[in-house]
């Protein structure tokens, strides 16, 4: 958010903030569902992403992030739709 704020573009900042808020709400629903073990799975996915970043393995971090998004989406569809 800081980078967006530095642009001085208040409309862009508000759009990104709104998107971040929605992403947070979706993620919160995905991991706080009593039918799901998503919380521990998500935590492990985040750990692996951070590890890839620490190792400067950008491609692995990108692929792990994509996998994380796909799994979160799959869980939301399975449990909420």
PDB file of N, CA and C in Angstrom:
ATOM      1  N   UNK A   1       0.811  -1.182   0.000  1.00  0.00           N
ATOM      2  CA  UNK A   1       0.000   0.000   0.000  1.00  0.00           C
ATOM      3  C   UNK A   1       0.867   1.263   0.000  1.00  0.00           C
ATOM      4  N   UNK A   2       2.030   1.173   0.615  1.00  0.00           N
ATOM      5  CA  UNK A   2       2.880   2.357   0.669  1.00  0.00           C
ATOM      6  C   UNK A   2       3.301   2.812  -0.722  1.00  0.00           C
ATOM      7  N   UNK A   3       3.612   1.852  -1.585  1.00  0.00           N
ATOM      8  CA  UNK A   3       4.029   2.213  -2.937  1.00  0.00           C
ATOM      9  C   UNK A   3       2.890   2.931  -3.652  1.00  0.00           C
ATOM     10  N   UNK A   4       1.682   2.414  -3.497  1.00  0.00           N
ATOM     11  CA  UNK A   4       0.520   3.041  -4.134  1.00  0.00           C
ATOM     12  C   UNK A   4       0.303   4.434  -3.549  1.00  0.00           C
ATOM     13  N   UNK A   5       0.470   4.566  -2.247  1.00  0.00           N
ATOM     14  CA  UNK A   5       0.290   5.865  -1.600  1.00  0.00           C
ATOM     15  C   UNK A   5       1.317   6.881  -2.107  1.00  0.00           C
ATOM     16  N   UNK A   6       2.540   6.406  -2.342  1.00  0.00           N
ATOM     17  CA  UNK A   6       3.604   7.295  -2.816  1.00  0.00           C
ATOM     18  C   UNK A   6       3.301   7.876  -4.195  1.00  0.00           C
ATOM     19  N   UNK A   7       2.442   7.214  -4.969  1.00  0.00           N
ATOM     20  CA  UNK A   7       2.114   7.743  -6.294  1.00  0.00           C
ATOM     21  C   UNK A   7       1.348   9.049  -6.199  1.00  0.00           C
ATOM     22  N   UNK A   8       0.700   9.260  -5.062  1.00  0.00           N
ATOM     23  CA  UNK A   8      -0.097  10.467  -4.907  1.00  0.00           C
ATOM     24  C   UNK A   8      -1.447  10.377  -5.605  1.00  0.00           C
ATOM     25  N   UNK A   9      -1.760   9.227  -6.172  1.00  0.00           N
ATOM     26  CA  UNK A   9      -3.015   9.030  -6.888  1.00  0.00           C
ATOM     27  C   UNK A   9      -4.048   8.489  -5.902  1.00  0.00           C
ATOM     28  N   UNK A  10      -4.919   9.375  -5.414  1.00  0.00           N
ATOM     29  CA  UNK A  10      -5.874   8.972  -4.384  1.00  0.00           C
ATOM     30  C   UNK A  10      -6.897   7.966  -4.903  1.00  0.00           C
ATOM     31  N   UNK A  11      -7.262   8.064  -6.180  1.00  0.00           N
ATOM     32  CA  UNK A  11      -8.216   7.098  -6.737  1.00  0.00           C
ATOM     33  C   UNK A  11      -7.599   5.698  -6.788  1.00  0.00           C
ATOM     34  N   UNK A  12      -6.353   5.617  -7.227  1.00  0.00           N
ATOM     35  CA  UNK A  12      -5.659   4.338  -7.268  1.00  0.00           C
ATOM     36  C   UNK A  12      -5.534   3.770  -5.860  1.00  0.00           C
ATOM     37  N   UNK A  13      -5.175   4.610  -4.921  1.00  0.00           N
ATOM     38  CA  UNK A  13      -5.039   4.166  -3.533  1.00  0.00           C
ATOM     39  C   UNK A  13      -6.348   3.581  -3.022  1.00  0.00           C
ATOM     40  N   UNK A  14      -7.458   4.255  -3.249  1.00  0.00           N
ATOM     41  CA  UNK A  14      -8.762   3.778  -2.786  1.00  0.00           C
ATOM     42  C   UNK A  14      -9.147   2.465  -3.464  1.00  0.00           C
ATOM     43  N   UNK A  15      -8.843   2.335  -4.753  1.00  0.00           N
ATOM     44  CA  UNK A  15      -9.157   1.100  -5.470  1.00  0.00           C
ATOM     45  C   UNK A  15      -8.354  -0.075  -4.909  1.00  0.00           C
ATOM     46  N   UNK A  16      -7.075   0.134  -4.693  1.00  0.00           N
ATOM     47  CA  UNK A  16      -6.220  -0.935  -4.165  1.00  0.00           C
ATOM     48  C   UNK A  16      -6.616  -1.268  -2.736  1.00  0.00           C
ATOM     49  N   UNK A  17      -6.947  -0.271  -1.942  1.00  0.00           N
ATOM     50  CA  UNK A  17      -7.390  -0.505  -0.562  1.00  0.00           C
ATOM     51  C   UNK A  17      -8.666  -1.327  -0.553  1.00  0.00           C
ATOM     52  N   UNK A  18      -9.621  -0.988  -1.400  1.00  0.00           N
ATOM     53  CA  UNK A  18     -10.876  -1.738  -1.479  1.00  0.00           C
ATOM     54  C   UNK A  18     -10.626  -3.184  -1.904  1.00  0.00           C
ATOM     55  N   UNK A  19      -9.744  -3.369  -2.875  1.00  0.00           N
ATOM     56  CA  UNK A  19      -9.393  -4.717  -3.318  1.00  0.00           C
ATOM     57  C   UNK A  19      -8.733  -5.501  -2.194  1.00  0.00           C
ATOM     58  N   UNK A  20      -7.805  -4.881  -1.483  1.00  0.00           N
ATOM     59  CA  UNK A  20      -7.155  -5.547  -0.346  1.00  0.00           C
ATOM     60  C   UNK A  20      -8.163  -5.942   0.722  1.00  0.00           C
ATOM     61  N   UNK A  21      -9.127  -5.055   0.997  1.00  0.00           N
ATOM     62  CA  UNK A  21     -10.166  -5.361   1.981  1.00  0.00           C
ATOM     63  C   UNK A  21     -10.982  -6.572   1.549  1.00  0.00           C
ATOM     64  N   UNK A  22     -11.324  -6.651   0.271  1.00  0.00           N
ATOM     65  CA  UNK A  22     -12.099  -7.788  -0.237  1.00  0.00           C
ATOM     66  C   UNK A  22     -11.282  -9.076  -0.178  1.00  0.00           C
ATOM     67  N   UNK A  23     -10.021  -8.989  -0.530  1.00  0.00           N
ATOM     68  CA  UNK A  23      -9.152 -10.169  -0.464  1.00  0.00           C
ATOM     69  C   UNK A  23      -9.075 -10.665   0.978  1.00  0.00           C
ATOM     70  N   UNK A  24      -8.956  -9.755   1.915  1.00  0.00           N
ATOM     71  CA  UNK A  24      -8.900 -10.132   3.329  1.00  0.00           C
ATOM     72  C   UNK A  24     -10.182 -10.837   3.754  1.00  0.00           C
ATOM     73  N   UNK A  25     -11.333 -10.283   3.368  1.00  0.00           N
ATOM     74  CA  UNK A  25     -12.610 -10.880   3.760  1.00  0.00           C
ATOM     75  C   UNK A  25     -12.773 -12.282   3.177  1.00  0.00           C
ATOM     76  N   UNK A  26     -12.403 -12.458   1.926  1.00  0.00           N
ATOM     77  CA  UNK A  26     -12.494 -13.767   1.286  1.00  0.00           C
ATOM     78  C   UNK A  26     -11.574 -14.759   1.989  1.00  0.00           C
ATOM     79  N   UNK A  27     -10.355 -14.345   2.234  1.00  0.00           N
ATOM     80  CA  UNK A  27      -9.410 -15.211   2.921  1.00  0.00           C
ATOM     81  C   UNK A  27      -9.883 -15.573   4.317  1.00  0.00           C
ATOM     82  N   UNK A  28     -10.442 -14.618   5.008  1.00  0.00           N
ATOM     83  CA  UNK A  28     -10.949 -14.856   6.361  1.00  0.00           C
ATOM     84  C   UNK A  28     -12.063 -15.893   6.327  1.00  0.00           C
ATOM     85  N   UNK A  29     -12.986 -15.766   5.378  1.00  0.00           N
ATOM     86  CA  UNK A  29     -14.058 -16.756   5.250  1.00  0.00           C
ATOM     87  C   UNK A  29     -13.500 -18.135   4.920  1.00  0.00           C
ATOM     88  N   UNK A  30     -12.505 -18.155   4.063  1.00  0.00           N
ATOM     89  CA  UNK A  30     -11.945 -19.441   3.617  1.00  0.00           C
ATOM     90  C   UNK A  30     -11.296 -20.207   4.755  1.00  0.00           C
ATOM     91  N   UNK A  31     -10.624 -19.518   5.654  1.00  0.00           N
ATOM     92  CA  UNK A  31      -9.894 -20.235   6.702  1.00  0.00           C
ATOM     93  C   UNK A  31     -10.688 -20.385   7.990  1.00  0.00           C
ATOM     94  N   UNK A  32     -11.786 -19.678   8.140  1.00  0.00           N
ATOM     95  CA  UNK A  32     -12.551 -19.749   9.379  1.00  0.00           C
ATOM     96  C   UNK A  32     -13.841 -20.547   9.249  1.00  0.00           C
ATOM     97  N   UNK A  33     -13.892 -21.409   8.284  1.00  0.00           N
ATOM     98  CA  UNK A  33     -15.048 -22.260   8.077  1.00  0.00           C
ATOM     99  C   UNK A  33     -14.839 -23.544   8.864  1.00  0.00           C
ATOM    100  N   UNK A  34     -15.802 -23.911   9.685  1.00  0.00           N
ATOM    101  CA  UNK A  34     -15.649 -25.115  10.512  1.00  0.00           C
ATOM    102  C   UNK A  34     -15.558 -26.397   9.696  1.00  0.00           C
ATOM    103  N   UNK A  35     -16.010 -26.367   8.429  1.00  0.00           N
ATOM    104  CA  UNK A  35     -15.945 -27.551   7.571  1.00  0.00           C
ATOM    105  C   UNK A  35     -14.575 -27.706   6.921  1.00  0.00           C
ATOM    106  N   UNK A  36     -13.689 -26.760   7.134  1.00  0.00           N
ATOM    107  CA  UNK A  36     -12.445 -26.722   6.379  1.00  0.00           C
ATOM    108  C   UNK A  36     -11.225 -26.830   7.282  1.00  0.00           C
ATOM    109  N   UNK A  37     -10.169 -27.410   6.726  1.00  0.00           N
ATOM    110  CA  UNK A  37      -8.857 -27.413   7.385  1.00  0.00           C
ATOM    111  C   UNK A  37      -7.956 -26.392   6.691  1.00  0.00           C
ATOM    112  N   UNK A  38      -8.574 -25.467   6.018  1.00  0.00           N
ATOM    113  CA  UNK A  38      -7.851 -24.518   5.175  1.00  0.00           C
ATOM    114  C   UNK A  38      -6.875 -23.661   5.968  1.00  0.00           C
ATOM    115  N   UNK A  39      -7.170 -23.394   7.221  1.00  0.00           N
ATOM    116  CA  UNK A  39      -6.277 -22.521   7.994  1.00  0.00           C
ATOM    117  C   UNK A  39      -4.854 -23.071   8.057  1.00  0.00           C
ATOM    118  N   UNK A  40      -4.718 -24.352   8.354  1.00  0.00           N
ATOM    119  CA  UNK A  40      -3.379 -24.948   8.444  1.00  0.00           C
ATOM    120  C   UNK A  40      -2.742 -25.091   7.057  1.00  0.00           C
ATOM    121  N   UNK A  41      -3.557 -25.415   6.065  1.00  0.00           N
ATOM    122  CA  UNK A  41      -3.046 -25.523   4.699  1.00  0.00           C
ATOM    123  C   UNK A  41      -2.529 -24.168   4.220  1.00  0.00           C
ATOM    124  N   UNK A  42      -3.311 -23.129   4.485  1.00  0.00           N
ATOM    125  CA  UNK A  42      -2.928 -21.785   4.070  1.00  0.00           C
ATOM    126  C   UNK A  42      -1.646 -21.334   4.768  1.00  0.00           C
ATOM    127  N   UNK A  43      -1.538 -21.635   6.040  1.00  0.00           N
ATOM    128  CA  UNK A  43      -0.345 -21.281   6.801  1.00  0.00           C
ATOM    129  C   UNK A  43       0.894 -21.948   6.195  1.00  0.00           C
ATOM    130  N   UNK A  44       0.763 -23.221   5.846  1.00  0.00           N
ATOM    131  CA  UNK A  44       1.886 -23.932   5.229  1.00  0.00           C
ATOM    132  C   UNK A  44       2.227 -23.338   3.861  1.00  0.00           C
ATOM    133  N   UNK A  45       1.211 -22.972   3.076  1.00  0.00           N
ATOM    134  CA  UNK A  45       1.458 -22.342   1.774  1.00  0.00           C
ATOM    135  C   UNK A  45       2.208 -21.026   1.950  1.00  0.00           C
ATOM    136  N   UNK A  46       1.799 -20.235   2.930  1.00  0.00           N
ATOM    137  CA  UNK A  46       2.488 -18.969   3.190  1.00  0.00           C
ATOM    138  C   UNK A  46       3.940 -19.219   3.603  1.00  0.00           C
ATOM    139  N   UNK A  47       4.151 -20.226   4.446  1.00  0.00           N
ATOM    140  CA  UNK A  47       5.516 -20.553   4.882  1.00  0.00           C
ATOM    141  C   UNK A  47       6.401 -20.899   3.688  1.00  0.00           C
ATOM    142  N   UNK A  48       5.855 -21.678   2.761  1.00  0.00           N
ATOM    143  CA  UNK A  48       6.621 -22.075   1.576  1.00  0.00           C
ATOM    144  C   UNK A  48       6.908 -20.878   0.669  1.00  0.00           C
ATOM    145  N   UNK A  49       5.958 -19.965   0.543  1.00  0.00           N
ATOM    146  CA  UNK A  49       6.162 -18.756  -0.265  1.00  0.00           C
ATOM    147  C   UNK A  49       7.282 -17.912   0.345  1.00  0.00           C
ATOM    148  N   UNK A  50       7.225 -17.718   1.640  1.00  0.00           N
ATOM    149  CA  UNK A  50       8.248 -16.926   2.330  1.00  0.00           C
ATOM    150  C   UNK A  50       9.619 -17.572   2.189  1.00  0.00           C
ATOM    151  N   UNK A  51       9.669 -18.887   2.315  1.00  0.00           N
ATOM    152  CA  UNK A  51      10.934 -19.606   2.165  1.00  0.00           C
ATOM    153  C   UNK A  51      11.514 -19.398   0.762  1.00  0.00           C
ATOM    154  N   UNK A  52      10.659 -19.478  -0.255  1.00  0.00           N
ATOM    155  CA  UNK A  52      11.123 -19.260  -1.633  1.00  0.00           C
ATOM    156  C   UNK A  52      11.657 -17.836  -1.796  1.00  0.00           C
ATOM    157  N   UNK A  53      10.979 -16.862  -1.199  1.00  0.00           N
ATOM    158  CA  UNK A  53      11.447 -15.471  -1.285  1.00  0.00           C
ATOM    159  C   UNK A  53      12.782 -15.298  -0.560  1.00  0.00           C
ATOM    160  N   UNK A  54      12.916 -15.925   0.602  1.00  0.00           N
ATOM    161  CA  UNK A  54      14.183 -15.848   1.336  1.00  0.00           C
ATOM    162  C   UNK A  54      15.334 -16.419   0.513  1.00  0.00           C
ATOM    163  N   UNK A  55      15.020 -17.437  -0.279  1.00  0.00           N
ATOM    164  CA  UNK A  55      16.028 -18.080  -1.124  1.00  0.00           C
ATOM    165  C   UNK A  55      16.184 -17.396  -2.482  1.00  0.00           C
ATOM    166  N   UNK A  56      15.530 -16.246  -2.642  1.00  0.00           N
ATOM    167  CA  UNK A  56      15.563 -15.497  -3.901  1.00  0.00           C
ATOM    168  C   UNK A  56      15.102 -16.335  -5.091  1.00  0.00           C
ATOM    169  N   UNK A  57      14.222 -17.286  -4.838  1.00  0.00           N
ATOM    170  CA  UNK A  57      13.667 -18.125  -5.898  1.00  0.00           C
ATOM    171  C   UNK A  57      12.324 -17.526  -6.310  1.00  0.00           C
ATOM    172  N   UNK A  58      12.402 -16.515  -7.157  1.00  0.00           N
ATOM    173  CA  UNK A  58      11.220 -15.757  -7.552  1.00  0.00           C
ATOM    174  C   UNK A  58      10.224 -16.622  -8.314  1.00  0.00           C
ATOM    175  N   UNK A  59      10.711 -17.485  -9.181  1.00  0.00           N
ATOM    176  CA  UNK A  59       9.823 -18.358  -9.949  1.00  0.00           C
ATOM    177  C   UNK A  59       9.058 -19.294  -9.018  1.00  0.00           C
ATOM    178  N   UNK A  60       9.735 -19.881  -8.058  1.00  0.00           N
ATOM    179  CA  UNK A  60       9.058 -20.759  -7.099  1.00  0.00           C
ATOM    180  C   UNK A  60       8.040 -19.970  -6.283  1.00  0.00           C
ATOM    181  N   UNK A  61       8.413 -18.766  -5.845  1.00  0.00           N
ATOM    182  CA  UNK A  61       7.491 -17.934  -5.067  1.00  0.00           C
ATOM    183  C   UNK A  61       6.248 -17.604  -5.891  1.00  0.00           C
ATOM    184  N   UNK A  62       6.454 -17.271  -7.157  1.00  0.00           N
ATOM    185  CA  UNK A  62       5.328 -16.965  -8.045  1.00  0.00           C
ATOM    186  C   UNK A  62       4.417 -18.186  -8.183  1.00  0.00           C
ATOM    187  N   UNK A  63       5.005 -19.341  -8.456  1.00  0.00           N
ATOM    188  CA  UNK A  63       4.214 -20.553  -8.633  1.00  0.00           C
ATOM    189  C   UNK A  63       3.488 -20.960  -7.356  1.00  0.00           C
ATOM    190  N   UNK A  64       4.144 -20.801  -6.219  1.00  0.00           N
ATOM    191  CA  UNK A  64       3.506 -21.108  -4.944  1.00  0.00           C
ATOM    192  C   UNK A  64       2.361 -20.138  -4.644  1.00  0.00           C
ATOM    193  N   UNK A  65       2.531 -18.874  -5.023  1.00  0.00           N
ATOM    194  CA  UNK A  65       1.468 -17.900  -4.815  1.00  0.00           C
ATOM    195  C   UNK A  65       0.262 -18.228  -5.688  1.00  0.00           C
ATOM    196  N   UNK A  66       0.521 -18.611  -6.932  1.00  0.00           N
ATOM    197  CA  UNK A  66      -0.576 -19.008  -7.827  1.00  0.00           C
ATOM    198  C   UNK A  66      -1.297 -20.212  -7.242  1.00  0.00           C
ATOM    199  N   UNK A  67      -0.549 -21.197  -6.777  1.00  0.00           N
ATOM    200  CA  UNK A  67      -1.153 -22.374  -6.170  1.00  0.00           C
ATOM    201  C   UNK A  67      -1.998 -21.991  -4.962  1.00  0.00           C
ATOM    202  N   UNK A  68      -1.495 -21.092  -4.141  1.00  0.00           N
ATOM    203  CA  UNK A  68      -2.223 -20.626  -2.964  1.00  0.00           C
ATOM    204  C   UNK A  68      -3.556 -19.995  -3.369  1.00  0.00           C
ATOM    205  N   UNK A  69      -3.544 -19.164  -4.373  1.00  0.00           N
ATOM    206  CA  UNK A  69      -4.772 -18.507  -4.845  1.00  0.00           C
ATOM    207  C   UNK A  69      -5.752 -19.544  -5.394  1.00  0.00           C
ATOM    208  N   UNK A  70      -5.248 -20.477  -6.174  1.00  0.00           N
ATOM    209  CA  UNK A  70      -6.100 -21.530  -6.744  1.00  0.00           C
ATOM    210  C   UNK A  70      -6.733 -22.368  -5.631  1.00  0.00           C
ATOM    211  N   UNK A  71      -5.939 -22.753  -4.637  1.00  0.00           N
ATOM    212  CA  UNK A  71      -6.464 -23.568  -3.540  1.00  0.00           C
ATOM    213  C   UNK A  71      -7.483 -22.802  -2.706  1.00  0.00           C
ATOM    214  N   UNK A  72      -7.239 -21.522  -2.473  1.00  0.00           N
ATOM    215  CA  UNK A  72      -8.193 -20.703  -1.726  1.00  0.00           C
ATOM    216  C   UNK A  72      -9.503 -20.595  -2.494  1.00  0.00           C
ATOM    217  N   UNK A  73      -9.406 -20.378  -3.787  1.00  0.00           N
ATOM    218  CA  UNK A  73     -10.607 -20.300  -4.632  1.00  0.00           C
ATOM    219  C   UNK A  73     -11.366 -21.623  -4.607  1.00  0.00           C
ATOM    220  N   UNK A  74     -10.649 -22.729  -4.749  1.00  0.00           N
ATOM    221  CA  UNK A  74     -11.269 -24.050  -4.727  1.00  0.00           C
ATOM    222  C   UNK A  74     -12.009 -24.269  -3.405  1.00  0.00           C
ATOM    223  N   UNK A  75     -11.379 -23.897  -2.316  1.00  0.00           N
ATOM    224  CA  UNK A  75     -11.995 -24.056  -1.001  1.00  0.00           C
ATOM    225  C   UNK A  75     -13.249 -23.193  -0.859  1.00  0.00           C
ATOM    226  N   UNK A  76     -13.195 -21.976  -1.360  1.00  0.00           N
ATOM    227  CA  UNK A  76     -14.363 -21.101  -1.290  1.00  0.00           C
ATOM    228  C   UNK A  76     -15.532 -21.671  -2.085  1.00  0.00           C
ATOM    229  N   UNK A  77     -15.253 -22.152  -3.273  1.00  0.00           N
ATOM    230  CA  UNK A  77     -16.311 -22.730  -4.113  1.00  0.00           C
ATOM    231  C   UNK A  77     -16.890 -23.969  -3.430  1.00  0.00           C
ATOM    232  N   UNK A  78     -16.036 -24.805  -2.898  1.00  0.00           N
ATOM    233  CA  UNK A  78     -16.467 -26.039  -2.254  1.00  0.00           C
ATOM    234  C   UNK A  78     -17.341 -25.768  -1.038  1.00  0.00           C
ATOM    235  N   UNK A  79     -16.983 -24.778  -0.237  1.00  0.00           N
ATOM    236  CA  UNK A  79     -17.644 -24.560   1.042  1.00  0.00           C
ATOM    237  C   UNK A  79     -18.683 -23.449   1.069  1.00  0.00           C
ATOM    238  N   UNK A  80     -18.709 -22.600   0.052  1.00  0.00           N
ATOM    239  CA  UNK A  80     -19.612 -21.450   0.121  1.00  0.00           C
ATOM    240  C   UNK A  80     -20.560 -21.312  -1.050  1.00  0.00           C
ATOM    241  N   UNK A  81     -20.316 -22.020  -2.121  1.00  0.00           N
ATOM    242  CA  UNK A  81     -21.199 -21.877  -3.293  1.00  0.00           C
ATOM    243  C   UNK A  81     -22.008 -23.125  -3.515  1.00  0.00           C
TER     244      UNK A  81
END
